[in-house]
Amino acid sequence: LNPNLIFNQIDGDFDDEPYWKISTTNKGFFLPIAQI
């Protein structure tokens, strides 16, 4: 979605949802963080 690595905010907010939706990451992906 953004190979040039320039990100923008709209009204002070950053919408990161499109980046996650394209990767279809399961919420269980972050379970190892519980060790940290």
Full PDB file with SEQRES, HELIX, SHEET, SSBOND, CRYST1, ORIGX, SCALE, CONECT and MASTER records, all heavy atoms in Angstrom:
SEQRES   1 A   36  LEU ASN PRO ASN LEU ILE PHE ASN GLN ILE ASP GLY ASP          
SEQRES   2 A   36  PHE ASP ASP GLU PRO TYR TRP LYS ILE SER THR THR ASN          
SEQRES   3 A   36  LYS GLY PHE PHE LEU PRO ILE ALA GLN ILE                      
HELIX    1 AA1 GLU A   17  SER A   23  1                                   7    
HELIX    2 AA2 LYS A   27  GLN A   35  5                                   9    
CRYST1    1.000    1.000    1.000  90.00  90.00  90.00 P 1           1          
ORIGX1      1.000000  0.000000  0.000000        0.00000                         
ORIGX2      0.000000  1.000000  0.000000        0.00000                         
ORIGX3      0.000000  0.000000  1.000000        0.00000                         
SCALE1      1.000000  0.000000  0.000000        0.00000                         
SCALE2      0.000000  1.000000  0.000000        0.00000                         
SCALE3      0.000000  0.000000  1.000000        0.00000                         
ATOM      1  N   LEU A   1       0.789  -1.233   0.000  1.00  0.00           N  
ATOM      2  CA  LEU A   1       0.000   0.000   0.000  1.00  0.00           C  
ATOM      3  C   LEU A   1       0.821   1.285   0.000  1.00  0.00           C  
ATOM      4  O   LEU A   1       0.325   2.324  -0.428  1.00  0.00           O  
ATOM      5  CB  LEU A   1      -0.948   0.027   1.211  1.00  0.00           C  
ATOM      6  CG  LEU A   1      -2.044  -1.024   1.221  1.00  0.00           C  
ATOM      7  CD1 LEU A   1      -2.841  -0.932   2.507  1.00  0.00           C  
ATOM      8  CD2 LEU A   1      -2.939  -0.873   0.007  1.00  0.00           C  
ATOM      9  N   ASN A   2       2.045   1.205   0.513  1.00  0.00           N  
ATOM     10  CA  ASN A   2       2.802   2.441   0.676  1.00  0.00           C  
ATOM     11  C   ASN A   2       4.307   2.190   0.579  1.00  0.00           C  
ATOM     12  O   ASN A   2       5.048   2.448   1.531  1.00  0.00           O  
ATOM     13  CB  ASN A   2       2.452   3.062   2.030  1.00  0.00           C  
ATOM     14  CG  ASN A   2       2.764   4.521   2.087  1.00  0.00           C  
ATOM     15  OD1 ASN A   2       3.380   5.069   1.187  1.00  0.00           O  
ATOM     16  ND2 ASN A   2       2.357   5.158   3.154  1.00  0.00           N  
ATOM     17  N   PRO A   3       4.773   1.722  -0.565  1.00  0.00           N  
ATOM     18  CA  PRO A   3       6.198   1.404  -0.679  1.00  0.00           C  
ATOM     19  C   PRO A   3       7.113   2.621  -0.562  1.00  0.00           C  
ATOM     20  O   PRO A   3       8.303   2.473  -0.293  1.00  0.00           O  
ATOM     21  CB  PRO A   3       6.302   0.752  -2.064  1.00  0.00           C  
ATOM     22  CG  PRO A   3       5.107   1.224  -2.809  1.00  0.00           C  
ATOM     23  CD  PRO A   3       4.036   1.474  -1.789  1.00  0.00           C  
ATOM     24  N   ASN A   4       6.573   3.841  -0.718  1.00  0.00           N  
ATOM     25  CA  ASN A   4       7.413   5.035  -0.581  1.00  0.00           C  
ATOM     26  C   ASN A   4       7.620   5.439   0.876  1.00  0.00           C  
ATOM     27  O   ASN A   4       8.389   6.350   1.167  1.00  0.00           O  
ATOM     28  CB  ASN A   4       6.833   6.213  -1.379  1.00  0.00           C  
ATOM     29  CG  ASN A   4       5.484   6.659  -0.840  1.00  0.00           C  
ATOM     30  OD1 ASN A   4       4.957   6.111   0.126  1.00  0.00           O  
ATOM     31  ND2 ASN A   4       4.906   7.659  -1.476  1.00  0.00           N  
ATOM     32  N   LEU A   5       6.929   4.767   1.804  1.00  0.00           N  
ATOM     33  CA  LEU A   5       7.066   4.968   3.252  1.00  0.00           C  
ATOM     34  C   LEU A   5       6.729   6.393   3.720  1.00  0.00           C  
ATOM     35  O   LEU A   5       7.255   6.859   4.724  1.00  0.00           O  
ATOM     36  CB  LEU A   5       8.472   4.582   3.732  1.00  0.00           C  
ATOM     37  CG  LEU A   5       8.886   3.145   3.456  1.00  0.00           C  
ATOM     38  CD1 LEU A   5      10.297   2.894   3.965  1.00  0.00           C  
ATOM     39  CD2 LEU A   5       7.918   2.143   4.050  1.00  0.00           C  
ATOM     40  N   ILE A   6       5.848   7.059   3.015  1.00  0.00           N  
ATOM     41  CA  ILE A   6       5.370   8.374   3.447  1.00  0.00           C  
ATOM     42  C   ILE A   6       3.930   8.196   3.899  1.00  0.00           C  
ATOM     43  O   ILE A   6       3.059   7.822   3.121  1.00  0.00           O  
ATOM     44  CB  ILE A   6       5.473   9.413   2.315  1.00  0.00           C  
ATOM     45  CG1 ILE A   6       6.941   9.599   1.936  1.00  0.00           C  
ATOM     46  CG2 ILE A   6       4.849  10.738   2.754  1.00  0.00           C  
ATOM     47  CD1 ILE A   6       7.161  10.476   0.726  1.00  0.00           C  
ATOM     48  N   PHE A   7       3.707   8.422   5.184  1.00  0.00           N  
ATOM     49  CA  PHE A   7       2.396   8.213   5.792  1.00  0.00           C  
ATOM     50  C   PHE A   7       1.797   9.558   6.160  1.00  0.00           C  
ATOM     51  O   PHE A   7       2.514  10.502   6.487  1.00  0.00           O  
ATOM     52  CB  PHE A   7       2.532   7.340   7.044  1.00  0.00           C  
ATOM     53  CG  PHE A   7       3.094   5.985   6.745  1.00  0.00           C  
ATOM     54  CD1 PHE A   7       4.467   5.770   6.767  1.00  0.00           C  
ATOM     55  CD2 PHE A   7       2.269   4.932   6.439  1.00  0.00           C  
ATOM     56  CE1 PHE A   7       4.997   4.520   6.488  1.00  0.00           C  
ATOM     57  CE2 PHE A   7       2.782   3.676   6.153  1.00  0.00           C  
ATOM     58  CZ  PHE A   7       4.140   3.476   6.180  1.00  0.00           C  
ATOM     59  N   ASN A   8       0.480   9.623   6.122  1.00  0.00           N  
ATOM     60  CA  ASN A   8      -0.219  10.876   6.419  1.00  0.00           C  
ATOM     61  C   ASN A   8      -1.269  10.675   7.491  1.00  0.00           C  
ATOM     62  O   ASN A   8      -1.867   9.605   7.606  1.00  0.00           O  
ATOM     63  CB  ASN A   8      -0.919  11.406   5.152  1.00  0.00           C  
ATOM     64  CG  ASN A   8       0.080  11.742   4.070  1.00  0.00           C  
ATOM     65  OD1 ASN A   8       1.000  12.503   4.295  1.00  0.00           O  
ATOM     66  ND2 ASN A   8      -0.112  11.154   2.902  1.00  0.00           N  
ATOM     67  N   GLN A   9      -1.489  11.754   8.232  1.00  0.00           N  
ATOM     68  CA  GLN A   9      -2.571  11.789   9.208  1.00  0.00           C  
ATOM     69  C   GLN A   9      -3.720  12.573   8.608  1.00  0.00           C  
ATOM     70  O   GLN A   9      -3.508  13.522   7.863  1.00  0.00           O  
ATOM     71  CB  GLN A   9      -2.132  12.471  10.497  1.00  0.00           C  
ATOM     72  CG  GLN A   9      -1.094  11.711  11.263  1.00  0.00           C  
ATOM     73  CD  GLN A   9      -0.714  12.412  12.557  1.00  0.00           C  
ATOM     74  OE1 GLN A   9      -1.123  13.528  12.822  1.00  0.00           O  
ATOM     75  NE2 GLN A   9       0.078  11.742  13.362  1.00  0.00           N  
ATOM     76  N   ILE A  10      -4.936  12.166   8.953  1.00  0.00           N  
ATOM     77  CA  ILE A  10      -6.124  12.908   8.558  1.00  0.00           C  
ATOM     78  C   ILE A  10      -6.790  13.380   9.836  1.00  0.00           C  
ATOM     79  O   ILE A  10      -7.167  12.561  10.685  1.00  0.00           O  
ATOM     80  CB  ILE A  10      -7.080  12.027   7.723  1.00  0.00           C  
ATOM     81  CG1 ILE A  10      -6.377  11.577   6.443  1.00  0.00           C  
ATOM     82  CG2 ILE A  10      -8.372  12.779   7.410  1.00  0.00           C  
ATOM     83  CD1 ILE A  10      -7.128  10.556   5.642  1.00  0.00           C  
ATOM     84  N   ASP A  11      -6.897  14.703   9.987  1.00  0.00           N  
ATOM     85  CA  ASP A  11      -7.463  15.292  11.205  1.00  0.00           C  
ATOM     86  C   ASP A  11      -6.757  14.783  12.456  1.00  0.00           C  
ATOM     87  O   ASP A  11      -7.380  14.492  13.474  1.00  0.00           O  
ATOM     88  CB  ASP A  11      -8.966  15.024  11.295  1.00  0.00           C  
ATOM     89  CG  ASP A  11      -9.740  15.687  10.172  1.00  0.00           C  
ATOM     90  OD1 ASP A  11      -9.317  16.772   9.721  1.00  0.00           O  
ATOM     91  OD2 ASP A  11     -10.752  15.127   9.737  1.00  0.00           O  
ATOM     92  N   GLY A  12      -5.448  14.632  12.385  1.00  0.00           N  
ATOM     93  CA  GLY A  12      -4.660  14.214  13.537  1.00  0.00           C  
ATOM     94  C   GLY A  12      -4.672  12.722  13.806  1.00  0.00           C  
ATOM     95  O   GLY A  12      -4.065  12.258  14.761  1.00  0.00           O  
ATOM     96  N   ASP A  13      -5.366  11.949  12.975  1.00  0.00           N  
ATOM     97  CA  ASP A  13      -5.438  10.504  13.167  1.00  0.00           C  
ATOM     98  C   ASP A  13      -4.731   9.772  12.030  1.00  0.00           C  
ATOM     99  O   ASP A  13      -4.716  10.233  10.897  1.00  0.00           O  
ATOM    100  CB  ASP A  13      -6.894  10.040  13.208  1.00  0.00           C  
ATOM    101  CG  ASP A  13      -7.609  10.465  14.483  1.00  0.00           C  
ATOM    102  OD1 ASP A  13      -6.963  10.542  15.536  1.00  0.00           O  
ATOM    103  OD2 ASP A  13      -8.829  10.719  14.400  1.00  0.00           O  
ATOM    104  N   PHE A  14      -4.199   8.621  12.361  1.00  0.00           N  
ATOM    105  CA  PHE A  14      -3.573   7.762  11.373  1.00  0.00           C  
ATOM    106  C   PHE A  14      -4.401   6.484  11.262  1.00  0.00           C  
ATOM    107  O   PHE A  14      -4.654   5.813  12.261  1.00  0.00           O  
ATOM    108  CB  PHE A  14      -2.135   7.436  11.769  1.00  0.00           C  
ATOM    109  CG  PHE A  14      -1.491   6.417  10.880  1.00  0.00           C  
ATOM    110  CD1 PHE A  14      -1.291   6.676   9.535  1.00  0.00           C  
ATOM    111  CD2 PHE A  14      -1.079   5.198  11.382  1.00  0.00           C  
ATOM    112  CE1 PHE A  14      -0.700   5.741   8.705  1.00  0.00           C  
ATOM    113  CE2 PHE A  14      -0.478   4.254  10.561  1.00  0.00           C  
ATOM    114  CZ  PHE A  14      -0.293   4.528   9.219  1.00  0.00           C  
ATOM    115  N   ASP A  15      -4.834   6.162  10.070  1.00  0.00           N  
ATOM    116  CA  ASP A  15      -5.642   4.969   9.840  1.00  0.00           C  
ATOM    117  C   ASP A  15      -4.734   3.828   9.400  1.00  0.00           C  
ATOM    118  O   ASP A  15      -4.332   3.745   8.239  1.00  0.00           O  
ATOM    119  CB  ASP A  15      -6.709   5.255   8.784  1.00  0.00           C  
ATOM    120  CG  ASP A  15      -7.644   4.080   8.553  1.00  0.00           C  
ATOM    121  OD1 ASP A  15      -7.618   3.118   9.370  1.00  0.00           O  
ATOM    122  OD2 ASP A  15      -8.396   4.105   7.572  1.00  0.00           O  
ATOM    123  N   ASP A  16      -4.429   2.952  10.336  1.00  0.00           N  
ATOM    124  CA  ASP A  16      -3.560   1.827  10.005  1.00  0.00           C  
ATOM    125  C   ASP A  16      -4.341   0.573   9.608  1.00  0.00           C  
ATOM    126  O   ASP A  16      -3.762  -0.425   9.206  1.00  0.00           O  
ATOM    127  CB  ASP A  16      -2.595   1.517  11.143  1.00  0.00           C  
ATOM    128  CG  ASP A  16      -3.261   1.254  12.477  1.00  0.00           C  
ATOM    129  OD1 ASP A  16      -4.464   1.516  12.627  1.00  0.00           O  
ATOM    130  OD2 ASP A  16      -2.563   0.774  13.394  1.00  0.00           O  
ATOM    131  N   GLU A  17      -5.656   0.649   9.665  1.00  0.00           N  
ATOM    132  CA  GLU A  17      -6.489  -0.513   9.358  1.00  0.00           C  
ATOM    133  C   GLU A  17      -6.235  -1.102   7.970  1.00  0.00           C  
ATOM    134  O   GLU A  17      -6.133  -2.329   7.836  1.00  0.00           O  
ATOM    135  CB  GLU A  17      -7.968  -0.150   9.513  1.00  0.00           C  
ATOM    136  CG  GLU A  17      -8.901  -1.318   9.364  1.00  0.00           C  
ATOM    137  CD  GLU A  17     -10.340  -0.936   9.664  1.00  0.00           C  
ATOM    138  OE1 GLU A  17     -10.589  -0.145  10.587  1.00  0.00           O  
ATOM    139  OE2 GLU A  17     -11.213  -1.447   8.941  1.00  0.00           O  
ATOM    140  N   PRO A  18      -6.102  -0.298   6.901  1.00  0.00           N  
ATOM    141  CA  PRO A  18      -5.863  -0.898   5.573  1.00  0.00           C  
ATOM    142  C   PRO A  18      -4.598  -1.766   5.511  1.00  0.00           C  
ATOM    143  O   PRO A  18      -4.574  -2.779   4.815  1.00  0.00           O  
ATOM    144  CB  PRO A  18      -5.731   0.312   4.643  1.00  0.00           C  
ATOM    145  CG  PRO A  18      -6.448   1.418   5.348  1.00  0.00           C  
ATOM    146  CD  PRO A  18      -6.247   1.156   6.811  1.00  0.00           C  
ATOM    147  N   TYR A  19      -3.571  -1.388   6.264  1.00  0.00           N  
ATOM    148  CA  TYR A  19      -2.320  -2.147   6.261  1.00  0.00           C  
ATOM    149  C   TYR A  19      -2.514  -3.518   6.905  1.00  0.00           C  
ATOM    150  O   TYR A  19      -1.929  -4.508   6.473  1.00  0.00           O  
ATOM    151  CB  TYR A  19      -1.218  -1.369   6.970  1.00  0.00           C  
ATOM    152  CG  TYR A  19      -0.947  -0.045   6.307  1.00  0.00           C  
ATOM    153  CD1 TYR A  19      -1.575   1.125   6.748  1.00  0.00           C  
ATOM    154  CD2 TYR A  19      -0.090   0.039   5.214  1.00  0.00           C  
ATOM    155  CE1 TYR A  19      -1.348   2.340   6.122  1.00  0.00           C  
ATOM    156  CE2 TYR A  19       0.146   1.244   4.582  1.00  0.00           C  
ATOM    157  CZ  TYR A  19      -0.492   2.386   5.036  1.00  0.00           C  
ATOM    158  OH  TYR A  19      -0.272   3.582   4.403  1.00  0.00           O  
ATOM    159  N   TRP A  20      -3.328  -3.549   7.960  1.00  0.00           N  
ATOM    160  CA  TRP A  20      -3.602  -4.812   8.643  1.00  0.00           C  
ATOM    161  C   TRP A  20      -4.592  -5.662   7.862  1.00  0.00           C  
ATOM    162  O   TRP A  20      -4.467  -6.885   7.820  1.00  0.00           O  
ATOM    163  CB  TRP A  20      -4.097  -4.562  10.064  1.00  0.00           C  
ATOM    164  CG  TRP A  20      -2.972  -4.135  10.948  1.00  0.00           C  
ATOM    165  CD1 TRP A  20      -2.696  -2.873  11.388  1.00  0.00           C  
ATOM    166  CD2 TRP A  20      -1.935  -4.970  11.445  1.00  0.00           C  
ATOM    167  NE1 TRP A  20      -1.542  -2.884  12.135  1.00  0.00           N  
ATOM    168  CE2 TRP A  20      -1.060  -4.151  12.195  1.00  0.00           C  
ATOM    169  CE3 TRP A  20      -1.660  -6.323  11.344  1.00  0.00           C  
ATOM    170  CZ2 TRP A  20       0.073  -4.653  12.830  1.00  0.00           C  
ATOM    171  CZ3 TRP A  20      -0.530  -6.833  11.981  1.00  0.00           C  
ATOM    172  CH2 TRP A  20       0.316  -5.998  12.706  1.00  0.00           C  
ATOM    173  N   LYS A  21      -5.571  -5.024   7.247  1.00  0.00           N  
ATOM    174  CA  LYS A  21      -6.575  -5.797   6.491  1.00  0.00           C  
ATOM    175  C   LYS A  21      -5.944  -6.544   5.325  1.00  0.00           C  
ATOM    176  O   LYS A  21      -6.321  -7.670   5.025  1.00  0.00           O  
ATOM    177  CB  LYS A  21      -7.694  -4.878   5.995  1.00  0.00           C  
ATOM    178  CG  LYS A  21      -8.735  -4.617   7.047  1.00  0.00           C  
ATOM    179  CD  LYS A  21      -9.946  -3.957   6.457  1.00  0.00           C  
ATOM    180  CE  LYS A  21     -11.074  -3.997   7.458  1.00  0.00           C  
ATOM    181  NZ  LYS A  21     -12.310  -3.433   6.912  1.00  0.00           N  
ATOM    182  N   ILE A  22      -4.974  -5.926   4.676  1.00  0.00           N  
ATOM    183  CA  ILE A  22      -4.341  -6.570   3.525  1.00  0.00           C  
ATOM    184  C   ILE A  22      -3.527  -7.798   3.953  1.00  0.00           C  
ATOM    185  O   ILE A  22      -3.379  -8.740   3.191  1.00  0.00           O  
ATOM    186  CB  ILE A  22      -3.485  -5.562   2.727  1.00  0.00           C  
ATOM    187  CG1 ILE A  22      -3.383  -6.007   1.287  1.00  0.00           C  
ATOM    188  CG2 ILE A  22      -2.116  -5.377   3.329  1.00  0.00           C  
ATOM    189  CD1 ILE A  22      -2.921  -4.919   0.362  1.00  0.00           C  
ATOM    190  N   SER A  23      -3.051  -7.794   5.184  1.00  0.00           N  
ATOM    191  CA  SER A  23      -2.238  -8.923   5.646  1.00  0.00           C  
ATOM    192  C   SER A  23      -3.075 -10.016   6.312  1.00  0.00           C  
ATOM    193  O   SER A  23      -2.567 -11.097   6.567  1.00  0.00           O  
ATOM    194  CB  SER A  23      -1.160  -8.439   6.616  1.00  0.00           C  
ATOM    195  OG  SER A  23      -1.737  -8.106   7.859  1.00  0.00           O  
ATOM    196  N   THR A  24      -4.333  -9.727   6.594  1.00  0.00           N  
ATOM    197  CA  THR A  24      -5.252 -10.656   7.275  1.00  0.00           C  
ATOM    198  C   THR A  24      -4.557 -11.398   8.422  1.00  0.00           C  
ATOM    199  O   THR A  24      -4.472 -12.624   8.439  1.00  0.00           O  
ATOM    200  CB  THR A  24      -5.904 -11.660   6.303  1.00  0.00           C  
ATOM    201  OG1 THR A  24      -4.884 -12.442   5.681  1.00  0.00           O  
ATOM    202  CG2 THR A  24      -6.755 -10.972   5.260  1.00  0.00           C  
ATOM    203  N   THR A  25      -4.073 -10.623   9.377  1.00  0.00           N  
ATOM    204  CA  THR A  25      -3.365 -11.167  10.529  1.00  0.00           C  
ATOM    205  C   THR A  25      -4.361 -11.558  11.611  1.00  0.00           C  
ATOM    206  O   THR A  25      -5.192 -10.753  12.021  1.00  0.00           O  
ATOM    207  CB  THR A  25      -2.378 -10.121  11.089  1.00  0.00           C  
ATOM    208  OG1 THR A  25      -1.475  -9.744  10.041  1.00  0.00           O  
ATOM    209  CG2 THR A  25      -1.594 -10.668  12.261  1.00  0.00           C  
ATOM    210  N   ASN A  26      -4.248 -12.778  12.085  1.00  0.00           N  
ATOM    211  CA  ASN A  26      -5.103 -13.267  13.150  1.00  0.00           C  
ATOM    212  C   ASN A  26      -4.665 -12.661  14.479  1.00  0.00           C  
ATOM    213  O   ASN A  26      -3.468 -12.490  14.721  1.00  0.00           O  
ATOM    214  CB  ASN A  26      -5.026 -14.790  13.211  1.00  0.00           C  
ATOM    215  CG  ASN A  26      -6.024 -15.381  14.172  1.00  0.00           C  
ATOM    216  OD1 ASN A  26      -5.832 -15.325  15.382  1.00  0.00           O  
ATOM    217  ND2 ASN A  26      -7.076 -15.953  13.629  1.00  0.00           N  
ATOM    218  N   LYS A  27      -5.642 -12.361  15.347  1.00  0.00           N  
ATOM    219  CA  LYS A  27      -5.317 -11.743  16.638  1.00  0.00           C  
ATOM    220  C   LYS A  27      -4.395 -12.615  17.496  1.00  0.00           C  
ATOM    221  O   LYS A  27      -3.658 -12.110  18.322  1.00  0.00           O  
ATOM    222  CB  LYS A  27      -6.594 -11.400  17.402  1.00  0.00           C  
ATOM    223  CG  LYS A  27      -7.393 -12.592  17.841  1.00  0.00           C  
ATOM    224  CD  LYS A  27      -8.667 -12.179  18.535  1.00  0.00           C  
ATOM    225  CE  LYS A  27      -9.453 -13.410  18.959  1.00  0.00           C  
ATOM    226  NZ  LYS A  27     -10.716 -13.059  19.559  1.00  0.00           N  
ATOM    227  N   GLY A  28      -4.399 -13.931  17.268  1.00  0.00           N  
ATOM    228  CA  GLY A  28      -3.509 -14.830  17.997  1.00  0.00           C  
ATOM    229  C   GLY A  28      -2.037 -14.631  17.668  1.00  0.00           C  
ATOM    230  O   GLY A  28      -1.165 -15.083  18.403  1.00  0.00           O  
ATOM    231  N   PHE A  29      -1.760 -13.913  16.598  1.00  0.00           N  
ATOM    232  CA  PHE A  29      -0.393 -13.592  16.169  1.00  0.00           C  
ATOM    233  C   PHE A  29       0.401 -12.939  17.302  1.00  0.00           C  
ATOM    234  O   PHE A  29       1.607 -13.127  17.422  1.00  0.00           O  
ATOM    235  CB  PHE A  29      -0.500 -12.651  14.968  1.00  0.00           C  
ATOM    236  CG  PHE A  29       0.790 -12.182  14.374  1.00  0.00           C  
ATOM    237  CD1 PHE A  29       1.467 -12.960  13.464  1.00  0.00           C  
ATOM    238  CD2 PHE A  29       1.304 -10.932  14.704  1.00  0.00           C  
ATOM    239  CE1 PHE A  29       2.645 -12.510  12.882  1.00  0.00           C  
ATOM    240  CE2 PHE A  29       2.475 -10.475  14.132  1.00  0.00           C  
ATOM    241  CZ  PHE A  29       3.151 -11.265  13.218  1.00  0.00           C  
ATOM    242  N   PHE A  30      -0.298 -12.163  18.146  1.00  0.00           N  
ATOM    243  CA  PHE A  30       0.385 -11.412  19.194  1.00  0.00           C  
ATOM    244  C   PHE A  30       0.443 -12.124  20.547  1.00  0.00           C  
ATOM    245  O   PHE A  30       0.982 -11.567  21.499  1.00  0.00           O  
ATOM    246  CB  PHE A  30      -0.262 -10.029  19.351  1.00  0.00           C  
ATOM    247  CG  PHE A  30       0.065  -9.122  18.210  1.00  0.00           C  
ATOM    248  CD1 PHE A  30      -0.788  -9.002  17.133  1.00  0.00           C  
ATOM    249  CD2 PHE A  30       1.253  -8.413  18.184  1.00  0.00           C  
ATOM    250  CE1 PHE A  30      -0.478  -8.184  16.058  1.00  0.00           C  
ATOM    251  CE2 PHE A  30       1.584  -7.603  17.110  1.00  0.00           C  
ATOM    252  CZ  PHE A  30       0.715  -7.491  16.042  1.00  0.00           C  
ATOM    253  N   LEU A  31      -0.076 -13.335  20.649  1.00  0.00           N  
ATOM    254  CA  LEU A  31      -0.050 -14.049  21.924  1.00  0.00           C  
ATOM    255  C   LEU A  31       1.363 -14.194  22.514  1.00  0.00           C  
ATOM    256  O   LEU A  31       1.525 -14.119  23.728  1.00  0.00           O  
ATOM    257  CB  LEU A  31      -0.732 -15.411  21.793  1.00  0.00           C  
ATOM    258  CG  LEU A  31      -2.254 -15.365  21.680  1.00  0.00           C  
ATOM    259  CD1 LEU A  31      -2.825 -16.751  21.423  1.00  0.00           C  
ATOM    260  CD2 LEU A  31      -2.887 -14.717  22.904  1.00  0.00           C  
ATOM    261  N   PRO A  32       2.418 -14.377  21.710  1.00  0.00           N  
ATOM    262  CA  PRO A  32       3.767 -14.458  22.287  1.00  0.00           C  
ATOM    263  C   PRO A  32       4.196 -13.197  23.051  1.00  0.00           C  
ATOM    264  O   PRO A  32       5.093 -13.254  23.884  1.00  0.00           O  
ATOM    265  CB  PRO A  32       4.667 -14.695  21.069  1.00  0.00           C  
ATOM    266  CG  PRO A  32       3.778 -15.337  20.066  1.00  0.00           C  
ATOM    267  CD  PRO A  32       2.433 -14.704  20.274  1.00  0.00           C  
ATOM    268  N   ILE A  33       3.537 -12.081  22.784  1.00  0.00           N  
ATOM    269  CA  ILE A  33       3.861 -10.841  23.512  1.00  0.00           C  
ATOM    270  C   ILE A  33       3.618 -11.016  25.009  1.00  0.00           C  
ATOM    271  O   ILE A  33       4.265 -10.369  25.830  1.00  0.00           O  
ATOM    272  CB  ILE A  33       3.039  -9.651  22.953  1.00  0.00           C  
ATOM    273  CG1 ILE A  33       3.522  -9.297  21.551  1.00  0.00           C  
ATOM    274  CG2 ILE A  33       3.107  -8.430  23.863  1.00  0.00           C  
ATOM    275  CD1 ILE A  33       4.921  -8.705  21.469  1.00  0.00           C  
ATOM    276  N   ALA A  34       2.723 -11.930  25.384  1.00  0.00           N  
ATOM    277  CA  ALA A  34       2.430 -12.175  26.803  1.00  0.00           C  
ATOM    278  C   ALA A  34       3.661 -12.650  27.558  1.00  0.00           C  
ATOM    279  O   ALA A  34       3.716 -12.534  28.787  1.00  0.00           O  
ATOM    280  CB  ALA A  34       1.286 -13.175  26.941  1.00  0.00           C  
ATOM    281  N   GLN A  35       4.665 -13.162  26.854  1.00  0.00           N  
ATOM    282  CA  GLN A  35       5.924 -13.548  27.496  1.00  0.00           C  
ATOM    283  C   GLN A  35       6.783 -12.322  27.789  1.00  0.00           C  
ATOM    284  O   GLN A  35       7.716 -12.394  28.582  1.00  0.00           O  
ATOM    285  CB  GLN A  35       6.683 -14.529  26.612  1.00  0.00           C  
ATOM    286  CG  GLN A  35       5.948 -15.834  26.412  1.00  0.00           C  
ATOM    287  CD  GLN A  35       6.649 -16.718  25.385  1.00  0.00           C  
ATOM    288  OE1 GLN A  35       7.683 -16.376  24.815  1.00  0.00           O  
ATOM    289  NE2 GLN A  35       6.065 -17.884  25.142  1.00  0.00           N  
ATOM    290  N   ILE A  36       6.479 -11.213  27.129  1.00  0.00           N  
ATOM    291  CA  ILE A  36       7.226  -9.966  27.310  1.00  0.00           C  
ATOM    292  C   ILE A  36       6.453  -9.021  28.222  1.00  0.00           C  
ATOM    293  O   ILE A  36       6.998  -8.454  29.166  1.00  0.00           O  
ATOM    294  CB  ILE A  36       7.481  -9.288  25.944  1.00  0.00           C  
ATOM    295  CG1 ILE A  36       8.228 -10.240  25.005  1.00  0.00           C  
ATOM    296  CG2 ILE A  36       8.230  -7.983  26.120  1.00  0.00           C  
ATOM    297  CD1 ILE A  36       8.275  -9.780  23.555  1.00  0.00           C  
TER     298      ILE A  36                                                      
MASTER        0    0    0    2    0    0    0    6  297    1    0    3          
END                                                                             
